[in-house]
């Protein structure tokens, strides 16, 4: 099972252009802060030496989504800054063995903690800025595992989960991709949720309504079926590595993401995450 579970979340890094400059804009940003801030988590193996030299260290699908949203916001007069979650994004172990699998789950845990810390640090520094959290595959798990704690945090404008290994059927998220209309599929980590420390309850509606989850039928990571995905196939890997934001169709998540972000546009100053914690929020 360890080998099967590990193999099913294999991710191919995508090589694109490096980080682009951010457009100048107006609105409510504090000096030195953007109106919005993107925190992106790469998938497995996407933060190797090659991955760190491209896509802002956040992997192809997440980086392209950032570029798309940043351009749309700039056209509306808003600025957006970005950072990658600083974590190993460990490759999926391809050999049997507890050690390799534990290293992978350690990577997920480290990413979950890093995303939380980076979010808290940024909102402390830029309390007026709204944040968009995004991740692909292992990175989507990293983001997903923070959302319950951030359900009431007013800094979160939206979240984007692409090919989420923690995906739950019937979650409160806005679901896209070809799997959205097909019942029964789930993230691979849900097959052994206790061992994988996967969340087993739907997200609170207040954060689910701000979260887009994208998954395609046959993706062995987010649409796992133990009766079908007993072995990893080239077709399954091809589905898992084919997520690219599009102008139309099942992968046109850019439009609803923009709508969510604009519905939560920055206005007055917000309390920092530290202040919210101190207040017991």
Protein backbone atom coordinates (compact mmCIF):
# COMPACT_ATOMS: atom_id res chain seq x y z
CA UNK A 1 0.00 0.00 0.00
CA UNK A 2 2.87 2.37 0.79
CA UNK A 3 4.29 1.88 -2.68
CA UNK A 4 0.88 2.27 -4.32
CA UNK A 5 0.01 5.38 -2.33
CA UNK A 6 3.40 6.89 -2.99
CA UNK A 7 3.35 6.23 -6.69
CA UNK A 8 -0.10 7.64 -7.18
CA UNK A 9 0.95 11.11 -6.10
CA UNK A 10 3.91 11.40 -8.45
CA UNK A 11 4.21 14.83 -9.95
CA UNK A 12 6.09 16.06 -12.99
CA UNK A 13 7.62 19.54 -12.63
CA UNK A 14 6.70 22.06 -15.31
CA UNK A 15 9.40 24.37 -16.68
CA UNK A 16 8.13 27.84 -17.54
CA UNK A 17 9.47 31.37 -17.48
CA UNK A 18 10.79 32.83 -14.21
CA UNK A 19 8.91 35.12 -11.88
CA UNK A 20 7.44 38.13 -13.67
CA UNK A 21 7.45 41.67 -12.36
CA UNK A 22 4.29 42.79 -10.64
CA UNK A 23 2.14 45.52 -12.10
CA UNK A 24 1.82 48.80 -10.30
CA UNK A 25 -1.68 49.55 -9.08
CA UNK A 26 -3.70 51.45 -6.56
CA UNK A 27 -6.29 50.52 -3.91
CA UNK A 28 -5.76 49.83 -0.22
CA UNK A 29 -2.26 48.41 0.10
CA UNK A 30 0.02 49.63 2.89
CA UNK A 31 3.44 50.95 1.81
CA UNK A 32 5.61 48.05 0.67
CA UNK A 33 2.65 45.66 0.58
CA UNK A 34 0.42 44.55 -2.26
CA UNK A 35 -3.33 44.77 -2.31
CA UNK A 36 -3.23 40.98 -2.58
CA UNK A 37 -0.58 38.40 -1.80
CA UNK A 38 -0.26 34.92 -3.31
CA UNK A 39 1.20 32.03 -1.31
CA UNK A 40 1.83 29.08 -3.62
CA UNK A 41 2.79 25.50 -2.72
CA UNK A 42 4.54 23.33 -5.30
CA UNK A 43 3.82 19.67 -5.90
CA UNK A 44 6.11 16.70 -5.28
CA UNK A 45 9.55 17.12 -6.80
CA UNK A 46 8.83 20.62 -8.10
CA UNK A 47 11.30 22.31 -5.77
CA UNK A 48 14.41 20.52 -6.96
CA UNK A 49 17.27 22.57 -8.45
CA UNK A 50 15.49 22.98 -11.79
CA UNK A 51 12.17 23.79 -10.14
CA UNK A 52 13.72 26.49 -7.99
CA UNK A 53 15.02 28.21 -11.12
CA UNK A 54 11.57 28.44 -12.73
CA UNK A 55 7.96 29.03 -11.81
CA UNK A 56 8.84 31.01 -8.71
CA UNK A 57 9.54 27.79 -6.80
CA UNK A 58 5.82 26.99 -6.70
CA UNK A 59 5.44 24.64 -9.68
CA UNK A 60 3.94 25.21 -13.11
CA UNK A 61 0.19 24.99 -12.48
CA UNK A 62 0.31 27.20 -9.39
CA UNK A 63 2.64 29.74 -10.96
CA UNK A 64 0.57 30.01 -14.13
CA UNK A 65 -2.53 30.52 -12.00
CA UNK A 66 -0.74 33.28 -10.13
CA UNK A 67 0.27 34.96 -13.39
CA UNK A 68 -3.29 34.78 -14.71
CA UNK A 69 -4.82 36.27 -11.56
CA UNK A 70 -2.12 38.90 -11.17
CA UNK A 71 -2.75 40.14 -14.72
CA UNK A 72 -6.51 40.30 -14.16
CA UNK A 73 -6.07 42.21 -10.91
CA UNK A 74 -3.61 44.63 -12.49
CA UNK A 75 -6.21 45.41 -15.16
CA UNK A 76 -8.59 46.28 -12.32
CA UNK A 77 -6.05 48.56 -10.65
CA UNK A 78 -4.82 46.20 -7.92
CA UNK A 79 -1.32 45.00 -7.11
CA UNK A 80 -0.32 41.46 -6.17
CA UNK A 81 2.86 40.11 -4.65
CA UNK A 82 3.79 36.44 -4.31
CA UNK A 83 5.91 33.92 -2.47
CA UNK A 84 6.35 30.16 -2.58
CA UNK A 85 5.86 27.95 0.44
CA UNK A 86 9.36 27.11 1.60
CA UNK A 87 9.28 23.35 2.08
CA UNK A 88 10.96 20.27 0.59
CA UNK A 89 8.09 19.19 -1.70
CA UNK A 90 9.74 15.78 -1.47
CA UNK A 91 9.47 13.48 -4.47
CA UNK A 92 7.12 10.56 -4.06
CA UNK A 93 9.07 7.42 -3.09
CA UNK A 94 9.07 4.96 -5.97
CA UNK A 95 10.37 2.02 -3.97
CA UNK A 96 8.71 0.10 -1.18
CA UNK A 97 9.89 1.02 2.28
CA UNK A 98 8.62 2.84 5.32
CA UNK A 99 11.52 5.28 5.34
CA UNK A 100 10.72 6.79 1.97
CA UNK A 101 7.05 7.12 2.79
CA UNK A 102 7.81 8.73 6.17
CA UNK A 103 10.07 11.24 4.42
CA UNK A 104 7.20 12.13 2.11
CA UNK A 105 4.72 12.62 4.95
CA UNK A 106 7.33 14.64 6.85
CA UNK A 107 7.48 16.89 3.79
CA UNK A 108 3.70 17.39 3.87
CA UNK A 109 3.84 18.21 7.57
CA UNK A 110 6.75 20.60 7.11
CA UNK A 111 4.92 22.32 4.25
CA UNK A 112 1.75 22.63 6.31
CA UNK A 113 3.67 24.32 9.12
CA UNK A 114 5.65 26.51 6.71
CA UNK A 115 2.51 27.75 4.96
CA UNK A 116 0.94 28.64 8.32
CA UNK A 117 4.07 30.46 9.47
CA UNK A 118 4.48 32.37 6.20
CA UNK A 119 0.82 33.40 6.23
CA UNK A 120 1.07 34.64 9.81
CA UNK A 121 4.31 36.52 9.13
CA UNK A 122 2.96 38.19 6.02
CA UNK A 123 -0.35 39.28 7.53
CA UNK A 124 1.50 40.61 10.56
CA UNK A 125 3.67 42.73 8.26
CA UNK A 126 0.88 43.67 5.83
CA UNK A 127 -2.38 43.62 7.80
CA UNK A 128 -4.42 45.35 5.08
CA UNK A 129 -3.51 42.84 2.37
CA UNK A 130 -5.80 39.99 1.32
CA UNK A 131 -4.14 36.60 0.73
CA UNK A 132 -4.75 33.89 -1.86
CA UNK A 133 -3.50 30.40 -0.94
CA UNK A 134 -2.86 27.91 -3.74
CA UNK A 135 -1.31 24.48 -4.12
CA UNK A 136 -0.96 21.57 -6.52
CA UNK A 137 -0.97 17.88 -5.53
CA UNK A 138 1.26 17.59 -2.42
CA UNK A 139 1.11 21.39 -2.29
CA UNK A 140 -2.69 21.29 -2.34
CA UNK A 141 -2.55 18.99 0.69
CA UNK A 142 -0.30 21.53 2.41
CA UNK A 143 -2.82 24.32 1.78
CA UNK A 144 -5.89 22.19 2.53
CA UNK A 145 -4.53 21.28 5.97
CA UNK A 146 -4.39 24.97 6.91
CA UNK A 147 -7.86 25.98 5.77
CA UNK A 148 -9.84 24.79 8.77
CA UNK A 149 -7.74 26.97 11.08
CA UNK A 150 -8.12 29.93 8.71
CA UNK A 151 -11.88 29.62 8.23
CA UNK A 152 -12.62 32.80 10.18
CA UNK A 153 -9.51 34.73 9.17
CA UNK A 154 -10.55 37.86 7.23
CA UNK A 155 -7.21 38.02 5.42
CA UNK A 156 -8.04 34.98 3.26
CA UNK A 157 -9.58 36.10 0.00
CA UNK A 158 -9.60 32.69 -1.67
CA UNK A 159 -7.89 29.31 -1.89
CA UNK A 160 -7.13 27.14 -4.91
CA UNK A 161 -6.56 23.39 -4.60
CA UNK A 162 -5.42 21.65 -7.78
CA UNK A 163 -5.34 17.82 -7.78
CA UNK A 164 -5.66 17.71 -4.00
CA UNK A 165 -4.54 14.43 -2.43
CA UNK A 166 -6.74 15.25 0.59
CA UNK A 167 -9.88 15.83 -1.51
CA UNK A 168 -13.14 14.78 0.15
CA UNK A 169 -16.30 13.87 -1.75
CA UNK A 170 -19.06 16.28 -0.87
CA UNK A 171 -16.76 18.93 0.55
CA UNK A 172 -18.04 22.49 0.83
CA UNK A 173 -15.63 23.72 -1.85
CA UNK A 174 -16.51 25.07 -5.30
CA UNK A 175 -15.60 22.05 -7.41
CA UNK A 176 -14.25 22.16 -10.95
CA UNK A 177 -12.67 19.71 -13.37
CA UNK A 178 -14.31 16.67 -14.91
CA UNK A 179 -14.55 14.90 -11.53
CA UNK A 180 -16.83 17.63 -10.15
CA UNK A 181 -19.96 15.98 -11.54
CA UNK A 182 -18.94 12.38 -10.81
CA UNK A 183 -19.69 11.05 -7.30
CA UNK A 184 -17.36 8.90 -5.24
CA UNK A 185 -13.83 9.98 -6.08
CA UNK A 186 -11.54 11.05 -3.26
CA UNK A 187 -7.98 12.09 -2.60
CA UNK A 188 -5.50 9.26 -2.32
CA UNK A 189 -4.59 10.22 1.26
CA UNK A 190 -8.21 9.51 2.27
CA UNK A 191 -7.66 5.81 1.55
CA UNK A 192 -5.60 5.61 4.76
CA UNK A 193 -6.48 8.92 6.35
CA UNK A 194 -5.14 8.06 9.82
CA UNK A 195 -1.70 7.06 8.58
CA UNK A 196 -1.60 10.02 6.20
CA UNK A 197 -2.94 12.47 8.83
CA UNK A 198 -5.49 13.58 6.25
CA UNK A 199 -8.44 15.79 7.22
CA UNK A 200 -11.62 13.70 7.23
CA UNK A 201 -14.27 16.37 7.79
CA UNK A 202 -15.59 18.86 5.23
CA UNK A 203 -14.22 22.36 5.43
CA UNK A 204 -16.28 24.89 7.37
CA UNK A 205 -18.70 26.52 4.90
CA UNK A 206 -17.22 29.97 5.44
CA UNK A 207 -13.86 28.86 3.99
CA UNK A 208 -15.27 26.22 1.67
CA UNK A 209 -17.19 28.95 -0.13
CA UNK A 210 -13.88 30.71 -0.80
CA UNK A 211 -12.08 27.56 -1.99
CA UNK A 212 -11.89 26.21 -5.53
CA UNK A 213 -10.98 22.52 -5.83
CA UNK A 214 -10.02 21.24 -9.28
CA UNK A 215 -9.86 17.52 -10.08
CA UNK A 216 -10.23 15.43 -13.22
CA UNK A 217 -11.70 11.95 -13.56
CA UNK A 218 -8.97 9.34 -13.57
CA UNK A 219 -6.45 11.43 -11.66
CA UNK A 220 -4.95 8.87 -9.25
CA UNK A 221 -4.16 11.59 -6.70
CA UNK A 222 -7.44 13.50 -6.30
CA UNK A 223 -9.87 10.98 -7.89
CA UNK A 224 -8.54 7.83 -6.25
CA UNK A 225 -10.53 4.61 -6.48
CA UNK A 226 -8.88 1.55 -4.89
CA UNK A 227 -10.68 -0.73 -7.34
CA UNK A 228 -9.33 1.20 -10.31
CA UNK A 229 -6.03 2.68 -9.16
CA UNK A 230 -4.38 -0.48 -7.83
CA UNK A 231 -1.53 0.26 -10.23
CA UNK A 232 -0.32 3.57 -11.56
CA UNK A 233 -0.71 3.91 -15.32
CA UNK A 234 0.79 6.29 -17.82
CA UNK A 235 -2.72 7.52 -18.57
CA UNK A 236 -3.28 8.37 -14.90
CA UNK A 237 0.00 10.24 -14.66
CA UNK A 238 -0.84 12.13 -17.86
CA UNK A 239 -4.15 13.26 -16.34
CA UNK A 240 -2.45 14.32 -13.10
CA UNK A 241 0.17 16.42 -14.86
CA UNK A 242 -2.16 18.12 -17.37
CA UNK A 243 -3.59 20.90 -15.18
CA UNK A 244 -3.15 24.28 -16.85
CA UNK A 245 -5.40 27.29 -16.29
CA UNK A 246 -7.52 27.80 -19.39
CA UNK A 247 -9.83 30.49 -20.75
CA UNK A 248 -12.78 28.13 -20.97
CA UNK A 249 -13.83 24.61 -20.07
CA UNK A 250 -13.20 22.48 -16.99
CA UNK A 251 -9.86 24.15 -16.26
CA UNK A 252 -11.12 27.73 -16.47
CA UNK A 253 -10.69 28.28 -12.75
CA UNK A 254 -9.22 31.74 -13.31
CA UNK A 255 -12.62 33.41 -13.68
CA UNK A 256 -14.24 32.11 -10.46
CA UNK A 257 -10.96 32.69 -8.62
CA UNK A 258 -10.93 36.31 -9.77
CA UNK A 259 -14.57 36.69 -8.73
CA UNK A 260 -13.84 35.30 -5.26
CA UNK A 261 -10.85 37.59 -4.85
CA UNK A 262 -12.77 40.67 -5.96
CA UNK A 263 -15.66 39.77 -3.66
CA UNK A 264 -13.13 39.93 -0.81
CA UNK A 265 -11.28 43.03 -1.97
CA UNK A 266 -9.13 44.86 0.61
CA UNK A 267 -10.80 47.82 2.26
CA UNK A 268 -10.12 48.96 5.81
CA UNK A 269 -7.24 47.71 7.93
CA UNK A 270 -7.61 44.16 9.20
CA UNK A 271 -6.29 42.71 12.46
CA UNK A 272 -3.15 40.62 12.03
CA UNK A 273 -3.18 36.85 12.54
CA UNK A 274 -1.27 37.38 15.79
CA UNK A 275 -3.91 39.81 17.01
CA UNK A 276 -6.69 37.41 16.05
CA UNK A 277 -5.01 34.60 17.98
CA UNK A 278 -4.51 36.80 21.00
CA UNK A 279 -8.18 37.71 20.90
CA UNK A 280 -9.15 34.05 20.79
CA UNK A 281 -10.58 34.28 17.27
